[in-house]
Amino acid sequence: MEPIFLQGDPALLKKAMETLILLATAFSRDKHKARITGAVESLLVCVRLAVDDLSLTEEQTADFFEIESSVRGSSTAQMLGLAPVVADKIIAAFGGKICLIKGAGRTGFLEAILMREQGHAE
């Protein structure tokens, strides 16, 4: 596998991704593991983190990363405080986005879409 170069500050992107991993484990039964998958397209990198203990509704997941949302404080991710919002803002500042998507039952996933550096994209 060849290296992937992302658009943005490496230290900030690293911190945002660490927050996503912590968030995924907060919404998982096994708090010590995160199941991560990824896909690379021409200018995009998609990273998905599966969760299996997501008690939020679809409406709550849609608002999760909004600073005004009270959902974070009443969820199993409350110990992260505003870190998920900050991670979302970091990823967005570099052209990407983060979504928390509800699946069937208590399943779902976190998805981060990151932009590749144009000089390194195929």
PDB file of N, CA and C in Angstrom:
ATOM      1  N   MET A   1       0.847  -1.181   0.000  1.00  0.00           N
ATOM      2  CA  MET A   1       0.000   0.000   0.000  1.00  0.00           C
ATOM      3  C   MET A   1       0.886   1.235   0.000  1.00  0.00           C
ATOM      4  N   GLU A   2       0.575   2.161  -0.857  1.00  0.00           N
ATOM      5  CA  GLU A   2       1.354   3.394  -0.929  1.00  0.00           C
ATOM      6  C   GLU A   2       0.888   4.400   0.123  1.00  0.00           C
ATOM      7  N   PRO A   3       1.749   5.333   0.502  1.00  0.00           N
ATOM      8  CA  PRO A   3       1.357   6.347   1.490  1.00  0.00           C
ATOM      9  C   PRO A   3       0.215   7.220   0.965  1.00  0.00           C
ATOM     10  N   ILE A   4      -0.615   7.691   1.881  1.00  0.00           N
ATOM     11  CA  ILE A   4      -1.706   8.593   1.548  1.00  0.00           C
ATOM     12  C   ILE A   4      -1.415   9.922   2.226  1.00  0.00           C
ATOM     13  N   PHE A   5      -1.415  10.985   1.452  1.00  0.00           N
ATOM     14  CA  PHE A   5      -1.158  12.311   1.983  1.00  0.00           C
ATOM     15  C   PHE A   5      -2.480  13.062   2.076  1.00  0.00           C
ATOM     16  N   LEU A   6      -2.791  13.530   3.283  1.00  0.00           N
ATOM     17  CA  LEU A   6      -4.056  14.231   3.512  1.00  0.00           C
ATOM     18  C   LEU A   6      -3.849  15.729   3.509  1.00  0.00           C
ATOM     19  N   GLN A   7      -4.883  16.435   3.094  1.00  0.00           N
ATOM     20  CA  GLN A   7      -4.879  17.885   3.105  1.00  0.00           C
ATOM     21  C   GLN A   7      -5.114  18.343   4.536  1.00  0.00           C
ATOM     22  N   GLY A   8      -4.199  19.150   5.073  1.00  0.00           N
ATOM     23  CA  GLY A   8      -4.384  19.669   6.410  1.00  0.00           C
ATOM     24  C   GLY A   8      -3.151  19.514   7.270  1.00  0.00           C
ATOM     25  N   ASP A   9      -3.225  20.066   8.443  1.00  0.00           N
ATOM     26  CA  ASP A   9      -2.129  20.006   9.404  1.00  0.00           C
ATOM     27  C   ASP A   9      -2.082  18.615  10.030  1.00  0.00           C
ATOM     28  N   PRO A  10      -0.960  17.900   9.906  1.00  0.00           N
ATOM     29  CA  PRO A  10      -0.879  16.528  10.425  1.00  0.00           C
ATOM     30  C   PRO A  10      -1.186  16.401  11.913  1.00  0.00           C
ATOM     31  N   ALA A  11      -0.716  17.331  12.728  1.00  0.00           N
ATOM     32  CA  ALA A  11      -0.958  17.243  14.178  1.00  0.00           C
ATOM     33  C   ALA A  11      -2.443  17.410  14.497  1.00  0.00           C
ATOM     34  N   LEU A  12      -3.110  18.332  13.826  1.00  0.00           N
ATOM     35  CA  LEU A  12      -4.544  18.540  14.065  1.00  0.00           C
ATOM     36  C   LEU A  12      -5.362  17.354  13.556  1.00  0.00           C
ATOM     37  N   LEU A  13      -5.010  16.833  12.378  1.00  0.00           N
ATOM     38  CA  LEU A  13      -5.721  15.673  11.840  1.00  0.00           C
ATOM     39  C   LEU A  13      -5.539  14.460  12.743  1.00  0.00           C
ATOM     40  N   LYS A  14      -4.337  14.288  13.279  1.00  0.00           N
ATOM     41  CA  LYS A  14      -4.073  13.171  14.195  1.00  0.00           C
ATOM     42  C   LYS A  14      -4.952  13.293  15.436  1.00  0.00           C
ATOM     43  N   LYS A  15      -5.036  14.482  15.998  1.00  0.00           N
ATOM     44  CA  LYS A  15      -5.864  14.697  17.187  1.00  0.00           C
ATOM     45  C   LYS A  15      -7.337  14.441  16.886  1.00  0.00           C
ATOM     46  N   ALA A  16      -7.805  14.887  15.714  1.00  0.00           N
ATOM     47  CA  ALA A  16      -9.208  14.656  15.329  1.00  0.00           C
ATOM     48  C   ALA A  16      -9.478  13.164  15.182  1.00  0.00           C
ATOM     49  N   MET A  17      -8.562  12.426  14.585  1.00  0.00           N
ATOM     50  CA  MET A  17      -8.764  10.989  14.403  1.00  0.00           C
ATOM     51  C   MET A  17      -8.693  10.252  15.738  1.00  0.00           C
ATOM     52  N   GLU A  18      -7.830  10.682  16.633  1.00  0.00           N
ATOM     53  CA  GLU A  18      -7.789  10.082  17.973  1.00  0.00           C
ATOM     54  C   GLU A  18      -9.124  10.288  18.686  1.00  0.00           C
ATOM     55  N   THR A  19      -9.702  11.463  18.534  1.00  0.00           N
ATOM     56  CA  THR A  19     -11.009  11.737  19.137  1.00  0.00           C
ATOM     57  C   THR A  19     -12.076  10.827  18.545  1.00  0.00           C
ATOM     58  N   LEU A  20     -12.031  10.596  17.232  1.00  0.00           N
ATOM     59  CA  LEU A  20     -13.004   9.705  16.606  1.00  0.00           C
ATOM     60  C   LEU A  20     -12.876   8.280  17.122  1.00  0.00           C
ATOM     61  N   ILE A  21     -11.662   7.841  17.348  1.00  0.00           N
ATOM     62  CA  ILE A  21     -11.467   6.493  17.895  1.00  0.00           C
ATOM     63  C   ILE A  21     -12.034   6.415  19.313  1.00  0.00           C
ATOM     64  N   LEU A  22     -11.776   7.425  20.118  1.00  0.00           N
ATOM     65  CA  LEU A  22     -12.345   7.462  21.480  1.00  0.00           C
ATOM     66  C   LEU A  22     -13.868   7.510  21.439  1.00  0.00           C
ATOM     67  N   LEU A  23     -14.409   8.250  20.492  1.00  0.00           N
ATOM     68  CA  LEU A  23     -15.861   8.332  20.337  1.00  0.00           C
ATOM     69  C   LEU A  23     -16.438   6.986  19.920  1.00  0.00           C
ATOM     70  N   ALA A  24     -15.769   6.313  19.005  1.00  0.00           N
ATOM     71  CA  ALA A  24     -16.238   4.986  18.575  1.00  0.00           C
ATOM     72  C   ALA A  24     -16.232   4.002  19.741  1.00  0.00           C
ATOM     73  N   THR A  25     -15.201   4.042  20.567  1.00  0.00           N
ATOM     74  CA  THR A  25     -15.173   3.120  21.702  1.00  0.00           C
ATOM     75  C   THR A  25     -16.224   3.493  22.752  1.00  0.00           C
ATOM     76  N   ALA A  26     -16.564   4.782  22.846  1.00  0.00           N
ATOM     77  CA  ALA A  26     -17.626   5.194  23.773  1.00  0.00           C
ATOM     78  C   ALA A  26     -18.976   4.610  23.352  1.00  0.00           C
ATOM     79  N   PHE A  27     -19.161   4.407  22.052  1.00  0.00           N
ATOM     80  CA  PHE A  27     -20.404   3.851  21.533  1.00  0.00           C
ATOM     81  C   PHE A  27     -20.278   2.371  21.175  1.00  0.00           C
ATOM     82  N   SER A  28     -19.320   1.691  21.802  1.00  0.00           N
ATOM     83  CA  SER A  28     -19.112   0.263  21.549  1.00  0.00           C
ATOM     84  C   SER A  28     -19.141  -0.512  22.856  1.00  0.00           C
ATOM     85  N   ARG A  29     -19.575  -1.751  22.781  1.00  0.00           N
ATOM     86  CA  ARG A  29     -19.600  -2.589  23.982  1.00  0.00           C
ATOM     87  C   ARG A  29     -18.189  -2.879  24.475  1.00  0.00           C
ATOM     88  N   ASP A  30     -17.266  -3.148  23.554  1.00  0.00           N
ATOM     89  CA  ASP A  30     -15.870  -3.385  23.926  1.00  0.00           C
ATOM     90  C   ASP A  30     -15.148  -2.043  23.891  1.00  0.00           C
ATOM     91  N   LYS A  31     -14.876  -1.511  25.053  1.00  0.00           N
ATOM     92  CA  LYS A  31     -14.284  -0.178  25.169  1.00  0.00           C
ATOM     93  C   LYS A  31     -12.794  -0.141  24.846  1.00  0.00           C
ATOM     94  N   HIS A  32     -12.210  -1.296  24.510  1.00  0.00           N
ATOM     95  CA  HIS A  32     -10.773  -1.364  24.268  1.00  0.00           C
ATOM     96  C   HIS A  32     -10.421  -1.625  22.810  1.00  0.00           C
ATOM     97  N   LYS A  33     -11.421  -1.717  21.929  1.00  0.00           N
ATOM     98  CA  LYS A  33     -11.160  -1.996  20.522  1.00  0.00           C
ATOM     99  C   LYS A  33     -12.020  -1.107  19.645  1.00  0.00           C
ATOM    100  N   ALA A  34     -11.465  -0.748  18.485  1.00  0.00           N
ATOM    101  CA  ALA A  34     -12.235  -0.007  17.486  1.00  0.00           C
ATOM    102  C   ALA A  34     -12.051  -0.736  16.155  1.00  0.00           C
ATOM    103  N   ARG A  35     -13.160  -1.017  15.491  1.00  0.00           N
ATOM    104  CA  ARG A  35     -13.101  -1.669  14.179  1.00  0.00           C
ATOM    105  C   ARG A  35     -13.131  -0.567  13.118  1.00  0.00           C
ATOM    106  N   ILE A  36     -12.026  -0.447  12.389  1.00  0.00           N
ATOM    107  CA  ILE A  36     -11.852   0.641  11.431  1.00  0.00           C
ATOM    108  C   ILE A  36     -11.700   0.063  10.029  1.00  0.00           C
ATOM    109  N   THR A  37     -12.426   0.645   9.078  1.00  0.00           N
ATOM    110  CA  THR A  37     -12.253   0.302   7.669  1.00  0.00           C
ATOM    111  C   THR A  37     -12.026   1.594   6.902  1.00  0.00           C
ATOM    112  N   GLY A  38     -11.429   1.479   5.750  1.00  0.00           N
ATOM    113  CA  GLY A  38     -11.160   2.669   4.957  1.00  0.00           C
ATOM    114  C   GLY A  38     -11.237   2.385   3.477  1.00  0.00           C
ATOM    115  N   ALA A  39     -11.456   3.436   2.731  1.00  0.00           N
ATOM    116  CA  ALA A  39     -11.481   3.365   1.272  1.00  0.00           C
ATOM    117  C   ALA A  39     -10.868   4.645   0.729  1.00  0.00           C
ATOM    118  N   VAL A  40     -10.144   4.513  -0.369  1.00  0.00           N
ATOM    119  CA  VAL A  40      -9.504   5.658  -0.991  1.00  0.00           C
ATOM    120  C   VAL A  40     -10.070   5.822  -2.396  1.00  0.00           C
ATOM    121  N   GLU A  41     -10.535   7.020  -2.674  1.00  0.00           N
ATOM    122  CA  GLU A  41     -10.955   7.384  -4.023  1.00  0.00           C
ATOM    123  C   GLU A  41     -10.009   8.473  -4.502  1.00  0.00           C
ATOM    124  N   SER A  42     -10.240   9.016  -5.651  1.00  0.00           N
ATOM    125  CA  SER A  42      -9.278   9.945  -6.240  1.00  0.00           C
ATOM    126  C   SER A  42      -8.845  11.053  -5.276  1.00  0.00           C
ATOM    127  N   LEU A  43      -9.764  11.846  -4.790  1.00  0.00           N
ATOM    128  CA  LEU A  43      -9.393  12.939  -3.886  1.00  0.00           C
ATOM    129  C   LEU A  43      -9.916  12.760  -2.470  1.00  0.00           C
ATOM    130  N   LEU A  44     -10.531  11.610  -2.178  1.00  0.00           N
ATOM    131  CA  LEU A  44     -11.148  11.396  -0.874  1.00  0.00           C
ATOM    132  C   LEU A  44     -10.613  10.145  -0.190  1.00  0.00           C
ATOM    133  N   VAL A  45     -10.558  10.231   1.129  1.00  0.00           N
ATOM    134  CA  VAL A  45     -10.282   9.065   1.962  1.00  0.00           C
ATOM    135  C   VAL A  45     -11.475   8.950   2.907  1.00  0.00           C
ATOM    136  N   CYS A  46     -12.116   7.794   2.910  1.00  0.00           N
ATOM    137  CA  CYS A  46     -13.262   7.555   3.786  1.00  0.00           C
ATOM    138  C   CYS A  46     -12.839   6.567   4.867  1.00  0.00           C
ATOM    139  N   VAL A  47     -12.975   6.973   6.116  1.00  0.00           N
ATOM    140  CA  VAL A  47     -12.641   6.131   7.262  1.00  0.00           C
ATOM    141  C   VAL A  47     -13.927   5.869   8.031  1.00  0.00           C
ATOM    142  N   ARG A  48     -14.234   4.581   8.260  1.00  0.00           N
ATOM    143  CA  ARG A  48     -15.437   4.213   9.025  1.00  0.00           C
ATOM    144  C   ARG A  48     -15.044   3.459  10.273  1.00  0.00           C
ATOM    145  N   LEU A  49     -15.683   3.821  11.360  1.00  0.00           N
ATOM    146  CA  LEU A  49     -15.486   3.166  12.636  1.00  0.00           C
ATOM    147  C   LEU A  49     -16.834   2.607  13.071  1.00  0.00           C
ATOM    148  N   ALA A  50     -16.919   1.289  13.157  1.00  0.00           N
ATOM    149  CA  ALA A  50     -18.177   0.635  13.520  1.00  0.00           C
ATOM    150  C   ALA A  50     -18.454   0.801  15.006  1.00  0.00           C
ATOM    151  N   VAL A  51     -19.739   0.935  15.351  1.00  0.00           N
ATOM    152  CA  VAL A  51     -20.172   0.998  16.753  1.00  0.00           C
ATOM    153  C   VAL A  51     -21.320   0.015  16.950  1.00  0.00           C
ATOM    154  N   ASP A  52     -21.420  -0.529  18.171  1.00  0.00           N
ATOM    155  CA  ASP A  52     -22.470  -1.519  18.439  1.00  0.00           C
ATOM    156  C   ASP A  52     -23.204  -1.269  19.761  1.00  0.00           C
ATOM    157  N   ASP A  53     -23.067  -0.046  20.287  1.00  0.00           N
ATOM    158  CA  ASP A  53     -23.778   0.312  21.515  1.00  0.00           C
ATOM    159  C   ASP A  53     -24.273   1.761  21.422  1.00  0.00           C
ATOM    160  N   LEU A  54     -24.919   2.062  20.299  1.00  0.00           N
ATOM    161  CA  LEU A  54     -25.392   3.416  20.017  1.00  0.00           C
ATOM    162  C   LEU A  54     -26.874   3.513  20.366  1.00  0.00           C
ATOM    163  N   SER A  55     -27.167   4.168  21.463  1.00  0.00           N
ATOM    164  CA  SER A  55     -28.558   4.263  21.923  1.00  0.00           C
ATOM    165  C   SER A  55     -29.257   5.519  21.414  1.00  0.00           C
ATOM    166  N   LEU A  56     -28.577   6.330  20.623  1.00  0.00           N
ATOM    167  CA  LEU A  56     -29.165   7.568  20.116  1.00  0.00           C
ATOM    168  C   LEU A  56     -30.113   7.292  18.952  1.00  0.00           C
ATOM    169  N   THR A  57     -31.054   8.203  18.755  1.00  0.00           N
ATOM    170  CA  THR A  57     -31.963   8.111  17.610  1.00  0.00           C
ATOM    171  C   THR A  57     -31.275   8.715  16.378  1.00  0.00           C
ATOM    172  N   GLU A  58     -31.888   8.525  15.210  1.00  0.00           N
ATOM    173  CA  GLU A  58     -31.348   9.131  13.989  1.00  0.00           C
ATOM    174  C   GLU A  58     -31.300  10.651  14.107  1.00  0.00           C
ATOM    175  N   GLU A  59     -32.327  11.226  14.684  1.00  0.00           N
ATOM    176  CA  GLU A  59     -32.368  12.683  14.859  1.00  0.00           C
ATOM    177  C   GLU A  59     -31.231  13.146  15.770  1.00  0.00           C
ATOM    178  N   GLN A  60     -30.984  12.420  16.843  1.00  0.00           N
ATOM    179  CA  GLN A  60     -29.901  12.784  17.763  1.00  0.00           C
ATOM    180  C   GLN A  60     -28.534  12.631  17.104  1.00  0.00           C
ATOM    181  N   THR A  61     -28.347  11.588  16.310  1.00  0.00           N
ATOM    182  CA  THR A  61     -27.052  11.417  15.645  1.00  0.00           C
ATOM    183  C   THR A  61     -26.815  12.525  14.623  1.00  0.00           C
ATOM    184  N   ALA A  62     -27.875  13.001  13.980  1.00  0.00           N
ATOM    185  CA  ALA A  62     -27.735  14.070  12.987  1.00  0.00           C
ATOM    186  C   ALA A  62     -27.247  15.368  13.630  1.00  0.00           C
ATOM    187  N   ASP A  63     -27.607  15.609  14.884  1.00  0.00           N
ATOM    188  CA  ASP A  63     -27.226  16.840  15.590  1.00  0.00           C
ATOM    189  C   ASP A  63     -26.020  16.673  16.510  1.00  0.00           C
ATOM    190  N   PHE A  64     -25.454  15.495  16.560  1.00  0.00           N
ATOM    191  CA  PHE A  64     -24.430  15.174  17.549  1.00  0.00           C
ATOM    192  C   PHE A  64     -23.249  16.148  17.530  1.00  0.00           C
ATOM    193  N   PHE A  65     -22.792  16.556  16.353  1.00  0.00           N
ATOM    194  CA  PHE A  65     -21.598  17.391  16.249  1.00  0.00           C
ATOM    195  C   PHE A  65     -21.891  18.890  16.292  1.00  0.00           C
ATOM    196  N   GLU A  66     -23.159  19.268  16.473  1.00  0.00           N
ATOM    197  CA  GLU A  66     -23.517  20.684  16.604  1.00  0.00           C
ATOM    198  C   GLU A  66     -23.156  21.151  18.013  1.00  0.00           C
ATOM    199  N   ILE A  67     -22.545  22.309  18.118  1.00  0.00           N
ATOM    200  CA  ILE A  67     -22.090  22.792  19.421  1.00  0.00           C
ATOM    201  C   ILE A  67     -23.248  22.985  20.393  1.00  0.00           C
ATOM    202  N   GLU A  68     -24.432  23.338  19.891  1.00  0.00           N
ATOM    203  CA  GLU A  68     -25.588  23.574  20.756  1.00  0.00           C
ATOM    204  C   GLU A  68     -26.252  22.287  21.229  1.00  0.00           C
ATOM    205  N   SER A  69     -25.895  21.160  20.648  1.00  0.00           N
ATOM    206  CA  SER A  69     -26.562  19.895  20.953  1.00  0.00           C
ATOM    207  C   SER A  69     -26.332  19.464  22.399  1.00  0.00           C
ATOM    208  N   SER A  70     -27.409  19.039  23.042  1.00  0.00           N
ATOM    209  CA  SER A  70     -27.302  18.526  24.411  1.00  0.00           C
ATOM    210  C   SER A  70     -27.130  17.002  24.412  1.00  0.00           C
ATOM    211  N   VAL A  71     -27.162  16.403  23.238  1.00  0.00           N
ATOM    212  CA  VAL A  71     -27.090  14.942  23.106  1.00  0.00           C
ATOM    213  C   VAL A  71     -25.782  14.392  23.656  1.00  0.00           C
ATOM    214  N   ARG A  72     -24.662  15.055  23.366  1.00  0.00           N
ATOM    215  CA  ARG A  72     -23.366  14.546  23.823  1.00  0.00           C
ATOM    216  C   ARG A  72     -23.327  14.390  25.335  1.00  0.00           C
ATOM    217  N   GLY A  73     -23.862  15.369  26.051  1.00  0.00           N
ATOM    218  CA  GLY A  73     -23.823  15.360  27.505  1.00  0.00           C
ATOM    219  C   GLY A  73     -24.695  14.294  28.146  1.00  0.00           C
ATOM    220  N   SER A  74     -25.641  13.762  27.396  1.00  0.00           N
ATOM    221  CA  SER A  74     -26.517  12.723  27.937  1.00  0.00           C
ATOM    222  C   SER A  74     -26.254  11.362  27.301  1.00  0.00           C
ATOM    223  N   SER A  75     -25.134  11.245  26.603  1.00  0.00           N
ATOM    224  CA  SER A  75     -24.794   9.981  25.947  1.00  0.00           C
ATOM    225  C   SER A  75     -23.582   9.352  26.632  1.00  0.00           C
ATOM    226  N   THR A  76     -23.215   8.161  26.178  1.00  0.00           N
ATOM    227  CA  THR A  76     -22.027   7.499  26.731  1.00  0.00           C
ATOM    228  C   THR A  76     -20.742   8.206  26.320  1.00  0.00           C
ATOM    229  N   ALA A  77     -20.844   9.224  25.477  1.00  0.00           N
ATOM    230  CA  ALA A  77     -19.675   9.998  25.052  1.00  0.00           C
ATOM    231  C   ALA A  77     -19.511  11.281  25.863  1.00  0.00           C
ATOM    232  N   GLN A  78     -20.267  11.421  26.962  1.00  0.00           N
ATOM    233  CA  GLN A  78     -20.239  12.663  27.729  1.00  0.00           C
ATOM    234  C   GLN A  78     -18.851  13.005  28.259  1.00  0.00           C
ATOM    235  N   MET A  79     -18.021  11.991  28.532  1.00  0.00           N
ATOM    236  CA  MET A  79     -16.694  12.264  29.084  1.00  0.00           C
ATOM    237  C   MET A  79     -15.773  12.947  28.073  1.00  0.00           C
ATOM    238  N   LEU A  80     -16.154  12.959  26.776  1.00  0.00           N
ATOM    239  CA  LEU A  80     -15.345  13.622  25.756  1.00  0.00           C
ATOM    240  C   LEU A  80     -15.648  15.110  25.649  1.00  0.00           C
ATOM    241  N   GLY A  81     -16.710  15.555  26.309  1.00  0.00           N
ATOM    242  CA  GLY A  81     -17.060  16.971  26.284  1.00  0.00           C
ATOM    243  C   GLY A  81     -17.235  17.500  24.870  1.00  0.00           C
ATOM    244  N   LEU A  82     -16.566  18.592  24.561  1.00  0.00           N
ATOM    245  CA  LEU A  82     -16.660  19.205  23.237  1.00  0.00           C
ATOM    246  C   LEU A  82     -15.644  18.649  22.236  1.00  0.00           C
ATOM    247  N   ALA A  83     -14.843  17.688  22.627  1.00  0.00           N
ATOM    248  CA  ALA A  83     -13.822  17.140  21.725  1.00  0.00           C
ATOM    249  C   ALA A  83     -14.401  16.660  20.393  1.00  0.00           C
ATOM    250  N   PRO A  84     -15.566  15.989  20.351  1.00  0.00           N
ATOM    251  CA  PRO A  84     -16.116  15.597  19.052  1.00  0.00           C
ATOM    252  C   PRO A  84     -16.457  16.798  18.167  1.00  0.00           C
ATOM    253  N   VAL A  85     -16.937  17.875  18.755  1.00  0.00           N
ATOM    254  CA  VAL A  85     -17.248  19.083  17.991  1.00  0.00           C
ATOM    255  C   VAL A  85     -15.966  19.677  17.418  1.00  0.00           C
ATOM    256  N   VAL A  86     -14.927  19.718  18.230  1.00  0.00           N
ATOM    257  CA  VAL A  86     -13.636  20.249  17.783  1.00  0.00           C
ATOM    258  C   VAL A  86     -13.080  19.372  16.652  1.00  0.00           C
ATOM    259  N   ALA A  87     -13.164  18.059  16.796  1.00  0.00           N
ATOM    260  CA  ALA A  87     -12.701  17.155  15.737  1.00  0.00           C
ATOM    261  C   ALA A  87     -13.454  17.421  14.443  1.00  0.00           C
ATOM    262  N   ASP A  88     -14.765  17.603  14.541  1.00  0.00           N
ATOM    263  CA  ASP A  88     -15.586  17.899  13.365  1.00  0.00           C
ATOM    264  C   ASP A  88     -15.139  19.205  12.715  1.00  0.00           C
ATOM    265  N   LYS A  89     -14.881  20.221  13.508  1.00  0.00           N
ATOM    266  CA  LYS A  89     -14.452  21.518  12.968  1.00  0.00           C
ATOM    267  C   LYS A  89     -13.078  21.420  12.305  1.00  0.00           C
ATOM    268  N   ILE A  90     -12.184  20.625  12.883  1.00  0.00           N
ATOM    269  CA  ILE A  90     -10.858  20.432  12.289  1.00  0.00           C
ATOM    270  C   ILE A  90     -10.989  19.768  10.920  1.00  0.00           C
ATOM    271  N   ILE A  91     -11.728  18.666  10.862  1.00  0.00           N
ATOM    272  CA  ILE A  91     -11.897  17.945   9.599  1.00  0.00           C
ATOM    273  C   ILE A  91     -12.570  18.851   8.567  1.00  0.00           C
ATOM    274  N   ALA A  92     -13.594  19.597   8.977  1.00  0.00           N
ATOM    275  CA  ALA A  92     -14.296  20.504   8.058  1.00  0.00           C
ATOM    276  C   ALA A  92     -13.380  21.618   7.555  1.00  0.00           C
ATOM    277  N   ALA A  93     -12.485  22.109   8.401  1.00  0.00           N
ATOM    278  CA  ALA A  93     -11.573  23.178   8.002  1.00  0.00           C
ATOM    279  C   ALA A  93     -10.662  22.749   6.857  1.00  0.00           C
ATOM    280  N   PHE A  94     -10.428  21.453   6.747  1.00  0.00           N
ATOM    281  CA  PHE A  94      -9.577  20.937   5.675  1.00  0.00           C
ATOM    282  C   PHE A  94     -10.383  20.286   4.556  1.00  0.00           C
ATOM    283  N   GLY A  95     -11.680  20.629   4.465  1.00  0.00           N
ATOM    284  CA  GLY A  95     -12.518  20.186   3.360  1.00  0.00           C
ATOM    285  C   GLY A  95     -13.249  18.878   3.559  1.00  0.00           C
ATOM    286  N   GLY A  96     -13.175  18.290   4.739  1.00  0.00           N
ATOM    287  CA  GLY A  96     -13.827  17.007   4.991  1.00  0.00           C
ATOM    288  C   GLY A  96     -15.074  17.140   5.840  1.00  0.00           C
ATOM    289  N   LYS A  97     -15.550  16.011   6.324  1.00  0.00           N
ATOM    290  CA  LYS A  97     -16.715  16.033   7.205  1.00  0.00           C
ATOM    291  C   LYS A  97     -16.747  14.760   8.039  1.00  0.00           C
ATOM    292  N   ILE A  98     -17.474  14.834   9.146  1.00  0.00           N
ATOM    293  CA  ILE A  98     -17.681  13.697  10.037  1.00  0.00           C
ATOM    294  C   ILE A  98     -19.180  13.489  10.188  1.00  0.00           C
ATOM    295  N   CYS A  99     -19.597  12.221  10.159  1.00  0.00           N
ATOM    296  CA  CYS A  99     -21.007  11.883  10.361  1.00  0.00           C
ATOM    297  C   CYS A  99     -21.097  10.745  11.369  1.00  0.00           C
ATOM    298  N   LEU A 100     -22.125  10.774  12.181  1.00  0.00           N
ATOM    299  CA  LEU A 100     -22.483   9.661  13.055  1.00  0.00           C
ATOM    300  C   LEU A 100     -23.781   9.110  12.483  1.00  0.00           C
ATOM    301  N   ILE A 101     -23.738   7.868  12.025  1.00  0.00           N
ATOM    302  CA  ILE A 101     -24.861   7.294  11.293  1.00  0.00           C
ATOM    303  C   ILE A 101     -25.443   6.120  12.065  1.00  0.00           C
ATOM    304  N   LYS A 102     -26.749   6.188  12.291  1.00  0.00           N
ATOM    305  CA  LYS A 102     -27.477   5.151  13.024  1.00  0.00           C
ATOM    306  C   LYS A 102     -27.786   3.993  12.091  1.00  0.00           C
ATOM    307  N   GLY A 103     -27.526   2.781  12.557  1.00  0.00           N
ATOM    308  CA  GLY A 103     -27.877   1.576  11.829  1.00  0.00           C
ATOM    309  C   GLY A 103     -29.054   0.897  12.498  1.00  0.00           C
ATOM    310  N   ALA A 104     -29.171  -0.397  12.287  1.00  0.00           N
ATOM    311  CA  ALA A 104     -30.257  -1.173  12.896  1.00  0.00           C
ATOM    312  C   ALA A 104     -29.957  -1.418  14.373  1.00  0.00           C
ATOM    313  N   GLY A 105     -31.003  -1.373  15.193  1.00  0.00           N
ATOM    314  CA  GLY A 105     -30.833  -1.624  16.624  1.00  0.00           C
ATOM    315  C   GLY A 105     -29.885  -0.616  17.241  1.00  0.00           C
ATOM    316  N   ARG A 106     -28.835  -1.116  17.875  1.00  0.00           N
ATOM    317  CA  ARG A 106     -27.852  -0.244  18.530  1.00  0.00           C
ATOM    318  C   ARG A 106     -26.573  -0.100  17.706  1.00  0.00           C
ATOM    319  N   THR A 107     -26.626  -0.522  16.442  1.00  0.00           N
ATOM    320  CA  THR A 107     -25.434  -0.439  15.600  1.00  0.00           C
ATOM    321  C   THR A 107     -25.393   0.884  14.844  1.00  0.00           C
ATOM    322  N   GLY A 108     -24.256   1.142  14.253  1.00  0.00           N
ATOM    323  CA  GLY A 108     -24.067   2.328  13.440  1.00  0.00           C
ATOM    324  C   GLY A 108     -22.597   2.494  13.141  1.00  0.00           C
ATOM    325  N   PHE A 109     -22.225   3.669  12.688  1.00  0.00           N
ATOM    326  CA  PHE A 109     -20.811   3.930  12.443  1.00  0.00           C
ATOM    327  C   PHE A 109     -20.534   5.422  12.409  1.00  0.00           C
ATOM    328  N   LEU A 110     -19.290   5.732  12.697  1.00  0.00           N
ATOM    329  CA  LEU A 110     -18.754   7.076  12.525  1.00  0.00           C
ATOM    330  C   LEU A 110     -18.050   7.072  11.178  1.00  0.00           C
ATOM    331  N   GLU A 111     -18.249   8.109  10.417  1.00  0.00           N
ATOM    332  CA  GLU A 111     -17.595   8.188   9.121  1.00  0.00           C
ATOM    333  C   GLU A 111     -16.882   9.523   9.007  1.00  0.00           C
ATOM    334  N   ALA A 112     -15.615   9.465   8.644  1.00  0.00           N
ATOM    335  CA  ALA A 112     -14.833  10.672   8.394  1.00  0.00           C
ATOM    336  C   ALA A 112     -14.434  10.672   6.929  1.00  0.00           C
ATOM    337  N   ILE A 113     -14.778  11.742   6.237  1.00  0.00           N
ATOM    338  CA  ILE A 113     -14.362  11.937   4.849  1.00  0.00           C
ATOM    339  C   ILE A 113     -13.242  12.970   4.889  1.00  0.00           C
ATOM    340  N   LEU A 114     -12.078  12.571   4.432  1.00  0.00           N
ATOM    341  CA  LEU A 114     -10.899  13.425   4.453  1.00  0.00           C
ATOM    342  C   LEU A 114     -10.461  13.704   3.019  1.00  0.00           C
ATOM    343  N   MET A 115      -9.908  14.875   2.803  1.00  0.00           N
ATOM    344  CA  MET A 115      -9.434  15.264   1.478  1.00  0.00           C
ATOM    345  C   MET A 115      -7.958  14.897   1.330  1.00  0.00           C
ATOM    346  N   ARG A 116      -7.628  14.325   0.182  1.00  0.00           N
ATOM    347  CA  ARG A 116      -6.224  14.040  -0.121  1.00  0.00           C
ATOM    348  C   ARG A 116      -5.566  15.295  -0.683  1.00  0.00           C
ATOM    349  N   GLU A 117      -4.258  15.383  -0.503  1.00  0.00           N
ATOM    350  CA  GLU A 117      -3.514  16.466  -1.140  1.00  0.00           C
ATOM    351  C   GLU A 117      -3.580  16.248  -2.640  1.00  0.00           C
ATOM    352  N   GLN A 118      -3.925  17.267  -3.380  1.00  0.00           N
ATOM    353  CA  GLN A 118      -4.121  17.110  -4.821  1.00  0.00           C
ATOM    354  C   GLN A 118      -2.866  16.699  -5.543  1.00  0.00           C
ATOM    355  N   GLY A 119      -1.707  17.118  -5.083  1.00  0.00           N
ATOM    356  CA  GLY A 119      -0.457  16.729  -5.722  1.00  0.00           C
ATOM    357  C   GLY A 119      -0.121  15.262  -5.558  1.00  0.00           C
ATOM    358  N   HIS A 120      -0.772  14.581  -4.601  1.00  0.00           N
ATOM    359  CA  HIS A 120      -0.492  13.171  -4.340  1.00  0.00           C
ATOM    360  C   HIS A 120      -1.637  12.258  -4.721  1.00  0.00           C
ATOM    361  N   ALA A 121      -2.760  12.797  -5.182  1.00  0.00           N
ATOM    362  CA  ALA A 121      -3.905  11.975  -5.553  1.00  0.00           C
ATOM    363  C   ALA A 121      -3.733  11.422  -6.951  1.00  0.00           C
ATOM    364  N   GLU A 122      -4.237  10.220  -7.149  1.00  0.00           N
ATOM    365  CA  GLU A 122      -4.141   9.606  -8.476  1.00  0.00           C
ATOM    366  C   GLU A 122      -5.211  10.122  -9.385  1.00  0.00           C
TER     367      GLU A 122
END
